Amino acid sequence: MTINLDPYQVFMIAVISLGAFVGLAKLIAKQAIESINEKLEAFKEIKDSIKELNQTVNNTERDLLKIKLDIAQQYARRDDFIRLEVHITDELEALGTKIDNLKDTRNAT
């Protein structure tokens, strides 16, 4: 069985086949570009999230440094506190001794 085609029919089959191939290629390219664009948008969102997290980390570091500075200014070390407490206690004992001595001298007279 042989198929007899005129030259214009062969040309039309070639053009239709080529057109179908080009149309299929355009469809695949369009889907690929849409997929790439979606991924780019996802990457942009991730990039924005990373920038926000970076800013949050920087703010947290700055706040932590402020807290450290406040602690250094307001916190009394244990050794310093004990030394101050001993000094105040000694002064109170000396004052108590002076009051007792004053009481004794008034009672003696």
PDB file of N, CA and C in Angstrom:
ATOM      1  N   MET A   1       0.855  -1.146   0.000  1.00  0.00           N
ATOM      2  CA  MET A   1       0.000   0.000   0.000  1.00  0.00           C
ATOM      3  C   MET A   1       0.918   1.232   0.000  1.00  0.00           C
ATOM      4  N   THR A   2       0.729   2.045  -0.910  1.00  0.00           N
ATOM      5  CA  THR A   2       1.512   3.252  -1.044  1.00  0.00           C
ATOM      6  C   THR A   2       0.605   4.459  -0.904  1.00  0.00           C
ATOM      7  N   ILE A   3       1.173   5.469  -0.330  1.00  0.00           N
ATOM      8  CA  ILE A   3       0.416   6.709  -0.148  1.00  0.00           C
ATOM      9  C   ILE A   3       0.990   7.708  -1.130  1.00  0.00           C
ATOM     10  N   ASN A   4       0.145   8.212  -1.922  1.00  0.00           N
ATOM     11  CA  ASN A   4       0.562   9.222  -2.891  1.00  0.00           C
ATOM     12  C   ASN A   4       0.154  10.591  -2.383  1.00  0.00           C
ATOM     13  N   LEU A   5       1.166  11.428  -2.203  1.00  0.00           N
ATOM     14  CA  LEU A   5       0.907  12.787  -1.711  1.00  0.00           C
ATOM     15  C   LEU A   5       1.438  13.781  -2.727  1.00  0.00           C
ATOM     16  N   ASP A   6       0.664  14.802  -2.871  1.00  0.00           N
ATOM     17  CA  ASP A   6       1.128  15.890  -3.727  1.00  0.00           C
ATOM     18  C   ASP A   6       2.125  16.731  -2.933  1.00  0.00           C
ATOM     19  N   PRO A   7       2.965  17.503  -3.620  1.00  0.00           N
ATOM     20  CA  PRO A   7       3.969  18.290  -2.915  1.00  0.00           C
ATOM     21  C   PRO A   7       3.355  19.288  -1.931  1.00  0.00           C
ATOM     22  N   TYR A   8       2.243  19.876  -2.219  1.00  0.00           N
ATOM     23  CA  TYR A   8       1.645  20.836  -1.276  1.00  0.00           C
ATOM     24  C   TYR A   8       1.152  20.122  -0.023  1.00  0.00           C
ATOM     25  N   GLN A   9       0.723  18.833  -0.161  1.00  0.00           N
ATOM     26  CA  GLN A   9       0.278  18.061   1.005  1.00  0.00           C
ATOM     27  C   GLN A   9       1.476  17.738   1.913  1.00  0.00           C
ATOM     28  N   VAL A  10       2.587  17.372   1.297  1.00  0.00           N
ATOM     29  CA  VAL A  10       3.808  17.115   2.084  1.00  0.00           C
ATOM     30  C   VAL A  10       4.227  18.400   2.790  1.00  0.00           C
ATOM     31  N   PHE A  11       4.167  19.519   2.073  1.00  0.00           N
ATOM     32  CA  PHE A  11       4.520  20.812   2.662  1.00  0.00           C
ATOM     33  C   PHE A  11       3.591  21.138   3.819  1.00  0.00           C
ATOM     34  N   MET A  12       2.285  20.889   3.654  1.00  0.00           N
ATOM     35  CA  MET A  12       1.321  21.183   4.715  1.00  0.00           C
ATOM     36  C   MET A  12       1.572  20.291   5.938  1.00  0.00           C
ATOM     37  N   ILE A  13       1.855  19.027   5.730  1.00  0.00           N
ATOM     38  CA  ILE A  13       2.155  18.118   6.856  1.00  0.00           C
ATOM     39  C   ILE A  13       3.404  18.590   7.576  1.00  0.00           C
ATOM     40  N   ALA A  14       4.429  18.996   6.839  1.00  0.00           N
ATOM     41  CA  ALA A  14       5.669  19.497   7.449  1.00  0.00           C
ATOM     42  C   ALA A  14       5.398  20.766   8.229  1.00  0.00           C
ATOM     43  N   VAL A  15       4.601  21.683   7.674  1.00  0.00           N
ATOM     44  CA  VAL A  15       4.303  22.946   8.361  1.00  0.00           C
ATOM     45  C   VAL A  15       3.479  22.680   9.614  1.00  0.00           C
ATOM     46  N   ILE A  16       2.488  21.796   9.514  1.00  0.00           N
ATOM     47  CA  ILE A  16       1.659  21.478  10.691  1.00  0.00           C
ATOM     48  C   ILE A  16       2.504  20.816  11.766  1.00  0.00           C
ATOM     49  N   SER A  17       3.372  19.876  11.371  1.00  0.00           N
ATOM     50  CA  SER A  17       4.246  19.207  12.345  1.00  0.00           C
ATOM     51  C   SER A  17       5.181  20.216  13.004  1.00  0.00           C
ATOM     52  N   LEU A  18       5.755  21.088  12.191  1.00  0.00           N
ATOM     53  CA  LEU A  18       6.652  22.108  12.732  1.00  0.00           C
ATOM     54  C   LEU A  18       5.886  23.060  13.653  1.00  0.00           C
ATOM     55  N   GLY A  19       4.669  23.439  13.252  1.00  0.00           N
ATOM     56  CA  GLY A  19       3.848  24.318  14.088  1.00  0.00           C
ATOM     57  C   GLY A  19       3.489  23.653  15.409  1.00  0.00           C
ATOM     58  N   ALA A  20       3.153  22.359  15.362  1.00  0.00           N
ATOM     59  CA  ALA A  20       2.841  21.626  16.599  1.00  0.00           C
ATOM     60  C   ALA A  20       4.070  21.548  17.493  1.00  0.00           C
ATOM     61  N   PHE A  21       5.224  21.303  16.890  1.00  0.00           N
ATOM     62  CA  PHE A  21       6.462  21.244  17.664  1.00  0.00           C
ATOM     63  C   PHE A  21       6.776  22.587  18.305  1.00  0.00           C
ATOM     64  N   VAL A  22       6.637  23.661  17.554  1.00  0.00           N
ATOM     65  CA  VAL A  22       6.903  25.012  18.080  1.00  0.00           C
ATOM     66  C   VAL A  22       5.901  25.344  19.179  1.00  0.00           C
ATOM     67  N   GLY A  23       4.612  25.005  18.964  1.00  0.00           N
ATOM     68  CA  GLY A  23       3.593  25.264  19.981  1.00  0.00           C
ATOM     69  C   GLY A  23       3.876  24.493  21.263  1.00  0.00           C
ATOM     70  N   LEU A  24       4.273  23.226  21.126  1.00  0.00           N
ATOM     71  CA  LEU A  24       4.614  22.417  22.293  1.00  0.00           C
ATOM     72  C   LEU A  24       5.847  22.989  23.007  1.00  0.00           C
ATOM     73  N   ALA A  25       6.817  23.422  22.226  1.00  0.00           N
ATOM     74  CA  ALA A  25       8.027  24.016  22.818  1.00  0.00           C
ATOM     75  C   ALA A  25       7.682  25.298  23.567  1.00  0.00           C
ATOM     76  N   LYS A  26       6.791  26.129  22.995  1.00  0.00           N
ATOM     77  CA  LYS A  26       6.383  27.360  23.663  1.00  0.00           C
ATOM     78  C   LYS A  26       5.646  27.049  24.968  1.00  0.00           C
ATOM     79  N   LEU A  27       4.782  26.030  24.932  1.00  0.00           N
ATOM     80  CA  LEU A  27       4.039  25.644  26.134  1.00  0.00           C
ATOM     81  C   LEU A  27       4.991  25.178  27.228  1.00  0.00           C
ATOM     82  N   ILE A  28       5.940  24.352  26.878  1.00  0.00           N
ATOM     83  CA  ILE A  28       6.918  23.860  27.863  1.00  0.00           C
ATOM     84  C   ILE A  28       7.766  25.019  28.389  1.00  0.00           C
ATOM     85  N   ALA A  29       8.185  25.907  27.487  1.00  0.00           N
ATOM     86  CA  ALA A  29       8.991  27.062  27.916  1.00  0.00           C
ATOM     87  C   ALA A  29       8.186  27.966  28.844  1.00  0.00           C
ATOM     88  N   LYS A  30       6.908  28.175  28.531  1.00  0.00           N
ATOM     89  CA  LYS A  30       6.058  29.020  29.375  1.00  0.00           C
ATOM     90  C   LYS A  30       5.913  28.420  30.769  1.00  0.00           C
ATOM     91  N   GLN A  31       5.673  27.108  30.827  1.00  0.00           N
ATOM     92  CA  GLN A  31       5.549  26.449  32.130  1.00  0.00           C
ATOM     93  C   GLN A  31       6.864  26.514  32.912  1.00  0.00           C
ATOM     94  N   ALA A  32       7.978  26.358  32.214  1.00  0.00           N
ATOM     95  CA  ALA A  32       9.278  26.433  32.878  1.00  0.00           C
ATOM     96  C   ALA A  32       9.521  27.837  33.421  1.00  0.00           C
ATOM     97  N   ILE A  33       9.177  28.852  32.638  1.00  0.00           N
ATOM     98  CA  ILE A  33       9.374  30.243  33.081  1.00  0.00           C
ATOM     99  C   ILE A  33       8.474  30.543  34.275  1.00  0.00           C
ATOM    100  N   GLU A  34       7.229  30.074  34.242  1.00  0.00           N
ATOM    101  CA  GLU A  34       6.335  30.282  35.383  1.00  0.00           C
ATOM    102  C   GLU A  34       6.875  29.599  36.630  1.00  0.00           C
ATOM    103  N   SER A  35       7.408  28.394  36.464  1.00  0.00           N
ATOM    104  CA  SER A  35       7.990  27.678  37.602  1.00  0.00           C
ATOM    105  C   SER A  35       9.187  28.440  38.161  1.00  0.00           C
ATOM    106  N   ILE A  36      10.018  28.951  37.267  1.00  0.00           N
ATOM    107  CA  ILE A  36      11.192  29.718  37.706  1.00  0.00           C
ATOM    108  C   ILE A  36      10.752  30.987  38.425  1.00  0.00           C
ATOM    109  N   ASN A  37       9.726  31.661  37.896  1.00  0.00           N
ATOM    110  CA  ASN A  37       9.240  32.881  38.541  1.00  0.00           C
ATOM    111  C   ASN A  37       8.678  32.591  39.928  1.00  0.00           C
ATOM    112  N   GLU A  38       7.960  31.473  40.059  1.00  0.00           N
ATOM    113  CA  GLU A  38       7.437  31.097  41.381  1.00  0.00           C
ATOM    114  C   GLU A  38       8.578  30.856  42.360  1.00  0.00           C
ATOM    115  N   LYS A  39       9.611  30.172  41.875  1.00  0.00           N
ATOM    116  CA  LYS A  39      10.757  29.902  42.751  1.00  0.00           C
ATOM    117  C   LYS A  39      11.491  31.190  43.104  1.00  0.00           C
ATOM    118  N   LEU A  40      11.573  32.112  42.149  1.00  0.00           N
ATOM    119  CA  LEU A  40      12.212  33.399  42.436  1.00  0.00           C
ATOM    120  C   LEU A  40      11.436  34.173  43.490  1.00  0.00           C
ATOM    121  N   GLU A  41      10.098  34.125  43.390  1.00  0.00           N
ATOM    122  CA  GLU A  41       9.282  34.795  44.401  1.00  0.00           C
ATOM    123  C   GLU A  41       9.489  34.161  45.765  1.00  0.00           C
ATOM    124  N   ALA A  42       9.571  32.820  45.785  1.00  0.00           N
ATOM    125  CA  ALA A  42       9.823  32.134  47.052  1.00  0.00           C
ATOM    126  C   ALA A  42      11.189  32.539  47.601  1.00  0.00           C
ATOM    127  N   PHE A  43      12.199  32.636  46.728  1.00  0.00           N
ATOM    128  CA  PHE A  43      13.526  33.052  47.180  1.00  0.00           C
ATOM    129  C   PHE A  43      13.505  34.489  47.689  1.00  0.00           C
ATOM    130  N   LYS A  44      12.721  35.354  47.032  1.00  0.00           N
ATOM    131  CA  LYS A  44      12.624  36.744  47.497  1.00  0.00           C
ATOM    132  C   LYS A  44      11.980  36.782  48.884  1.00  0.00           C
ATOM    133  N   GLU A  45      10.945  35.957  49.091  1.00  0.00           N
ATOM    134  CA  GLU A  45      10.312  35.905  50.404  1.00  0.00           C
ATOM    135  C   GLU A  45      11.300  35.402  51.454  1.00  0.00           C
ATOM    136  N   ILE A  46      12.072  34.383  51.083  1.00  0.00           N
ATOM    137  CA  ILE A  46      13.081  33.860  52.014  1.00  0.00           C
ATOM    138  C   ILE A  46      14.134  34.920  52.296  1.00  0.00           C
ATOM    139  N   LYS A  47      14.542  35.653  51.250  1.00  0.00           N
ATOM    140  CA  LYS A  47      15.531  36.710  51.423  1.00  0.00           C
ATOM    141  C   LYS A  47      14.995  37.791  52.357  1.00  0.00           C
ATOM    142  N   ASP A  48      13.717  38.165  52.176  1.00  0.00           N
ATOM    143  CA  ASP A  48      13.119  39.155  53.063  1.00  0.00           C
ATOM    144  C   ASP A  48      13.045  38.640  54.495  1.00  0.00           C
ATOM    145  N   SER A  49      12.696  37.357  54.642  1.00  0.00           N
ATOM    146  CA  SER A  49      12.641  36.763  55.982  1.00  0.00           C
ATOM    147  C   SER A  49      14.017  36.770  56.632  1.00  0.00           C
ATOM    148  N   ILE A  50      15.034  36.468  55.843  1.00  0.00           N
ATOM    149  CA  ILE A  50      16.399  36.469  56.376  1.00  0.00           C
ATOM    150  C   ILE A  50      16.794  37.879  56.796  1.00  0.00           C
ATOM    151  N   LYS A  51      16.411  38.884  55.993  1.00  0.00           N
ATOM    152  CA  LYS A  51      16.719  40.273  56.370  1.00  0.00           C
ATOM    153  C   LYS A  51      16.024  40.635  57.680  1.00  0.00           C
ATOM    154  N   GLU A  52      14.756  40.226  57.824  1.00  0.00           N
ATOM    155  CA  GLU A  52      14.022  40.517  59.057  1.00  0.00           C
ATOM    156  C   GLU A  52      14.667  39.811  60.246  1.00  0.00           C
ATOM    157  N   LEU A  53      15.050  38.548  60.055  1.00  0.00           N
ATOM    158  CA  LEU A  53      15.703  37.819  61.138  1.00  0.00           C
ATOM    159  C   LEU A  53      17.041  38.449  61.497  1.00  0.00           C
ATOM    160  N   ASN A  54      17.772  38.886  60.488  1.00  0.00           N
ATOM    161  CA  ASN A  54      19.056  39.544  60.727  1.00  0.00           C
ATOM    162  C   ASN A  54      18.854  40.825  61.521  1.00  0.00           C
ATOM    163  N   GLN A  55      17.826  41.586  61.159  1.00  0.00           N
ATOM    164  CA  GLN A  55      17.520  42.818  61.890  1.00  0.00           C
ATOM    165  C   GLN A  55      17.120  42.495  63.326  1.00  0.00           C
ATOM    166  N   THR A  56      16.325  41.433  63.499  1.00  0.00           N
ATOM    167  CA  THR A  56      15.914  41.024  64.839  1.00  0.00           C
ATOM    168  C   THR A  56      17.127  40.612  65.671  1.00  0.00           C
ATOM    169  N   VAL A  57      18.037  39.873  65.049  1.00  0.00           N
ATOM    170  CA  VAL A  57      19.252  39.462  65.765  1.00  0.00           C
ATOM    171  C   VAL A  57      20.074  40.683  66.153  1.00  0.00           C
ATOM    172  N   ASN A  58      20.203  41.636  65.241  1.00  0.00           N
ATOM    173  CA  ASN A  58      20.965  42.852  65.556  1.00  0.00           C
ATOM    174  C   ASN A  58      20.311  43.628  66.697  1.00  0.00           C
ATOM    175  N   ASN A  59      18.980  43.740  66.657  1.00  0.00           N
ATOM    176  CA  ASN A  59      18.269  44.427  67.737  1.00  0.00           C
ATOM    177  C   ASN A  59      18.444  43.690  69.055  1.00  0.00           C
ATOM    178  N   THR A  60      18.386  42.368  69.016  1.00  0.00           N
ATOM    179  CA  THR A  60      18.554  41.571  70.226  1.00  0.00           C
ATOM    180  C   THR A  60      19.956  41.736  70.788  1.00  0.00           C
ATOM    181  N   GLU A  61      20.951  41.734  69.911  1.00  0.00           N
ATOM    182  CA  GLU A  61      22.332  41.943  70.372  1.00  0.00           C
ATOM    183  C   GLU A  61      22.476  43.317  71.029  1.00  0.00           C
ATOM    184  N   ARG A  62      21.899  44.332  70.389  1.00  0.00           N
ATOM    185  CA  ARG A  62      21.979  45.683  70.942  1.00  0.00           C
ATOM    186  C   ARG A  62      21.282  45.745  72.301  1.00  0.00           C
ATOM    187  N   ASP A  63      20.106  45.123  72.412  1.00  0.00           N
ATOM    188  CA  ASP A  63      19.387  45.103  73.685  1.00  0.00           C
ATOM    189  C   ASP A  63      20.187  44.362  74.749  1.00  0.00           C
ATOM    190  N   LEU A  64      20.821  43.263  74.359  1.00  0.00           N
ATOM    191  CA  LEU A  64      21.634  42.505  75.308  1.00  0.00           C
ATOM    192  C   LEU A  64      22.817  43.338  75.800  1.00  0.00           C
ATOM    193  N   LEU A  65      23.445  44.070  74.896  1.00  0.00           N
ATOM    194  CA  LEU A  65      24.558  44.930  75.313  1.00  0.00           C
ATOM    195  C   LEU A  65      24.079  46.036  76.254  1.00  0.00           C
ATOM    196  N   LYS A  66      22.874  46.570  75.981  1.00  0.00           N
ATOM    197  CA  LYS A  66      22.317  47.578  76.893  1.00  0.00           C
ATOM    198  C   LYS A  66      22.058  46.979  78.267  1.00  0.00           C
ATOM    199  N   ILE A  67      21.531  45.766  78.282  1.00  0.00           N
ATOM    200  CA  ILE A  67      21.265  45.098  79.571  1.00  0.00           C
ATOM    201  C   ILE A  67      22.572  44.859  80.310  1.00  0.00           C
ATOM    202  N   LYS A  68      23.596  44.418  79.593  1.00  0.00           N
ATOM    203  CA  LYS A  68      24.905  44.208  80.229  1.00  0.00           C
ATOM    204  C   LYS A  68      25.431  45.508  80.813  1.00  0.00           C
ATOM    205  N   LEU A  69      25.261  46.608  80.089  1.00  0.00           N
ATOM    206  CA  LEU A  69      25.714  47.904  80.579  1.00  0.00           C
ATOM    207  C   LEU A  69      24.929  48.312  81.816  1.00  0.00           C
ATOM    208  N   ASP A  70      23.601  48.118  81.780  1.00  0.00           N
ATOM    209  CA  ASP A  70      22.769  48.456  82.939  1.00  0.00           C
ATOM    210  C   ASP A  70      23.155  47.605  84.145  1.00  0.00           C
ATOM    211  N   ILE A  71      23.407  46.330  83.909  1.00  0.00           N
ATOM    212  CA  ILE A  71      23.786  45.445  85.013  1.00  0.00           C
ATOM    213  C   ILE A  71      25.114  45.898  85.603  1.00  0.00           C
ATOM    214  N   ALA A  72      26.041  46.259  84.734  1.00  0.00           N
ATOM    215  CA  ALA A  72      27.350  46.691  85.226  1.00  0.00           C
ATOM    216  C   ALA A  72      27.224  47.963  86.058  1.00  0.00           C
ATOM    217  N   GLN A  73      26.278  48.820  85.717  1.00  0.00           N
ATOM    218  CA  GLN A  73      26.119  50.070  86.454  1.00  0.00           C
ATOM    219  C   GLN A  73      25.313  49.888  87.732  1.00  0.00           C
ATOM    220  N   GLN A  74      24.348  48.968  87.754  1.00  0.00           N
ATOM    221  CA  GLN A  74      23.427  48.853  88.878  1.00  0.00           C
ATOM    222  C   GLN A  74      23.719  47.665  89.795  1.00  0.00           C
ATOM    223  N   TYR A  75      24.502  46.744  89.362  1.00  0.00           N
ATOM    224  CA  TYR A  75      24.725  45.525  90.115  1.00  0.00           C
ATOM    225  C   TYR A  75      25.919  45.696  91.046  1.00  0.00           C
ATOM    226  N   ALA A  76      25.740  45.279  92.274  1.00  0.00           N
ATOM    227  CA  ALA A  76      26.848  45.310  93.234  1.00  0.00           C
ATOM    228  C   ALA A  76      27.371  43.884  93.370  1.00  0.00           C
ATOM    229  N   ARG A  77      28.655  43.724  93.180  1.00  0.00           N
ATOM    230  CA  ARG A  77      29.226  42.386  93.304  1.00  0.00           C
ATOM    231  C   ARG A  77      29.120  41.910  94.742  1.00  0.00           C
ATOM    232  N   ARG A  78      29.082  40.625  94.927  1.00  0.00           N
ATOM    233  CA  ARG A  78      28.894  40.033  96.248  1.00  0.00           C
ATOM    234  C   ARG A  78      30.019  40.447  97.194  1.00  0.00           C
ATOM    235  N   ASP A  79      31.243  40.388  96.706  1.00  0.00           N
ATOM    236  CA  ASP A  79      32.381  40.766  97.547  1.00  0.00           C
ATOM    237  C   ASP A  79      32.277  42.222  97.997  1.00  0.00           C
ATOM    238  N   ASP A  80      31.912  43.101  97.069  1.00  0.00           N
ATOM    239  CA  ASP A  80      31.763  44.513  97.418  1.00  0.00           C
ATOM    240  C   ASP A  80      30.646  44.708  98.437  1.00  0.00           C
ATOM    241  N   PHE A  81      29.545  43.981  98.243  1.00  0.00           N
ATOM    242  CA  PHE A  81      28.423  44.106  99.172  1.00  0.00           C
ATOM    243  C   PHE A  81      28.815  43.624 100.574  1.00  0.00           C
ATOM    244  N   ILE A  82      29.506  42.496 100.637  1.00  0.00           N
ATOM    245  CA  ILE A  82      29.928  41.967 101.946  1.00  0.00           C
ATOM    246  C   ILE A  82      30.885  42.941 102.615  1.00  0.00           C
ATOM    247  N   ARG A  83      31.820  43.494 101.858  1.00  0.00           N
ATOM    248  CA  ARG A  83      32.765  44.456 102.415  1.00  0.00           C
ATOM    249  C   ARG A  83      32.020  45.675 102.957  1.00  0.00           C
ATOM    250  N   LEU A  84      31.031  46.183 102.202  1.00  0.00           N
ATOM    251  CA  LEU A  84      30.247  47.327 102.642  1.00  0.00           C
ATOM    252  C   LEU A  84      29.430  46.978 103.883  1.00  0.00           C
ATOM    253  N   GLU A  85      28.856  45.784 103.914  1.00  0.00           N
ATOM    254  CA  GLU A  85      28.054  45.362 105.061  1.00  0.00           C
ATOM    255  C   GLU A  85      28.912  45.247 106.324  1.00  0.00           C
ATOM    256  N   VAL A  86      30.108  44.705 106.182  1.00  0.00           N
ATOM    257  CA  VAL A  86      31.019  44.596 107.334  1.00  0.00           C
ATOM    258  C   VAL A  86      31.400  45.981 107.822  1.00  0.00           C
ATOM    259  N   HIS A  87      31.665  46.899 106.918  1.00  0.00           N
ATOM    260  CA  HIS A  87      32.033  48.263 107.295  1.00  0.00           C
ATOM    261  C   HIS A  87      30.889  48.937 108.048  1.00  0.00           C
ATOM    262  N   ILE A  88      29.663  48.807 107.513  1.00  0.00           N
ATOM    263  CA  ILE A  88      28.509  49.423 108.190  1.00  0.00           C
ATOM    264  C   ILE A  88      28.285  48.792 109.557  1.00  0.00           C
ATOM    265  N   THR A  89      28.428  47.469 109.638  1.00  0.00           N
ATOM    266  CA  THR A  89      28.249  46.782 110.919  1.00  0.00           C
ATOM    267  C   THR A  89      29.291  47.264 111.923  1.00  0.00           C
ATOM    268  N   ASP A  90      30.543  47.411 111.504  1.00  0.00           N
ATOM    269  CA  ASP A  90      31.592  47.910 112.406  1.00  0.00           C
ATOM    270  C   ASP A  90      31.268  49.312 112.896  1.00  0.00           C
ATOM    271  N   GLU A  91      30.795  50.159 111.975  1.00  0.00           N
ATOM    272  CA  GLU A  91      30.448  51.521 112.392  1.00  0.00           C
ATOM    273  C   GLU A  91      29.274  51.529 113.369  1.00  0.00           C
ATOM    274  N   LEU A  92      28.291  50.667 113.120  1.00  0.00           N
ATOM    275  CA  LEU A  92      27.154  50.590 114.049  1.00  0.00           C
ATOM    276  C   LEU A  92      27.589  50.078 115.420  1.00  0.00           C
ATOM    277  N   GLU A  93      28.478  49.106 115.433  1.00  0.00           N
ATOM    278  CA  GLU A  93      28.990  48.600 116.716  1.00  0.00           C
ATOM    279  C   GLU A  93      29.766  49.687 117.458  1.00  0.00           C
ATOM    280  N   ALA A  94      30.571  50.457 116.705  1.00  0.00           N
ATOM    281  CA  ALA A  94      31.324  51.554 117.324  1.00  0.00           C
ATOM    282  C   ALA A  94      30.363  52.606 117.866  1.00  0.00           C
ATOM    283  N   LEU A  95      29.299  52.906 117.108  1.00  0.00           N
ATOM    284  CA  LEU A  95      28.304  53.864 117.579  1.00  0.00           C
ATOM    285  C   LEU A  95      27.588  53.338 118.813  1.00  0.00           C
ATOM    286  N   GLY A  96      27.266  52.028 118.803  1.00  0.00           N
ATOM    287  CA  GLY A  96      26.636  51.425 119.984  1.00  0.00           C
ATOM    288  C   GLY A  96      27.548  51.490 121.193  1.00  0.00           C
ATOM    289  N   THR A  97      28.824  51.274 120.994  1.00  0.00           N
ATOM    290  CA  THR A  97      29.786  51.353 122.093  1.00  0.00           C
ATOM    291  C   THR A  97      29.859  52.779 122.632  1.00  0.00           C
ATOM    292  N   LYS A  98      29.864  53.767 121.770  1.00  0.00           N
ATOM    293  CA  LYS A  98      29.899  55.166 122.211  1.00  0.00           C
ATOM    294  C   LYS A  98      28.641  55.506 123.000  1.00  0.00           C
ATOM    295  N   ILE A  99      27.487  55.004 122.520  1.00  0.00           N
ATOM    296  CA  ILE A  99      26.244  55.275 123.248  1.00  0.00           C
ATOM    297  C   ILE A  99      26.279  54.615 124.622  1.00  0.00           C
ATOM    298  N   ASP A 100      26.778  53.376 124.680  1.00  0.00           N
ATOM    299  CA  ASP A 100      26.888  52.698 125.981  1.00  0.00           C
ATOM    300  C   ASP A 100      27.831  53.461 126.908  1.00  0.00           C
ATOM    301  N   ASN A 101      28.953  53.920 126.360  1.00  0.00           N
ATOM    302  CA  ASN A 101      29.907  54.684 127.171  1.00  0.00           C
ATOM    303  C   ASN A 101      29.278  55.982 127.649  1.00  0.00           C
ATOM    304  N   LEU A 102      28.506  56.648 126.800  1.00  0.00           N
ATOM    305  CA  LEU A 102      27.844  57.882 127.194  1.00  0.00           C
ATOM    306  C   LEU A 102      26.812  57.617 128.269  1.00  0.00           C
ATOM    307  N   LYS A 103      26.101  56.490 128.150  1.00  0.00           N
ATOM    308  CA  LYS A 103      25.110  56.109 129.157  1.00  0.00           C
ATOM    309  C   LYS A 103      25.795  55.828 130.504  1.00  0.00           C
ATOM    310  N   ASP A 104      26.911  55.147 130.429  1.00  0.00           N
ATOM    311  CA  ASP A 104      27.626  54.817 131.658  1.00  0.00           C
ATOM    312  C   ASP A 104      28.150  56.079 132.328  1.00  0.00           C
ATOM    313  N   THR A 105      28.639  57.037 131.572  1.00  0.00           N
ATOM    314  CA  THR A 105      29.149  58.263 132.189  1.00  0.00           C
ATOM    315  C   THR A 105      28.016  59.095 132.764  1.00  0.00           C
ATOM    316  N   ARG A 106      26.851  59.067 132.211  1.00  0.00           N
ATOM    317  CA  ARG A 106      25.732  59.823 132.764  1.00  0.00           C
ATOM    318  C   ARG A 106      25.191  59.137 134.009  1.00  0.00           C
ATOM    319  N   ASN A 107      25.218  57.817 133.990  1.00  0.00           N
ATOM    320  CA  ASN A 107      24.746  57.102 135.171  1.00  0.00           C
ATOM    321  C   ASN A 107      25.748  57.222 136.314  1.00  0.00           C
ATOM    322  N   ALA A 108      27.019  57.379 135.998  1.00  0.00           N
ATOM    323  CA  ALA A 108      28.032  57.494 137.028  1.00  0.00           C
ATOM    324  C   ALA A 108      27.964  58.843 137.723  1.00  0.00           C
ATOM    325  N   THR A 109      27.467  59.835 137.073  1.00  0.00           N
ATOM    326  CA  THR A 109      27.401  61.146 137.715  1.00  0.00           C
ATOM    327  C   THR A 109      26.143  61.430 138.428  1.00  0.00           C
TER     328      THR A 109
END
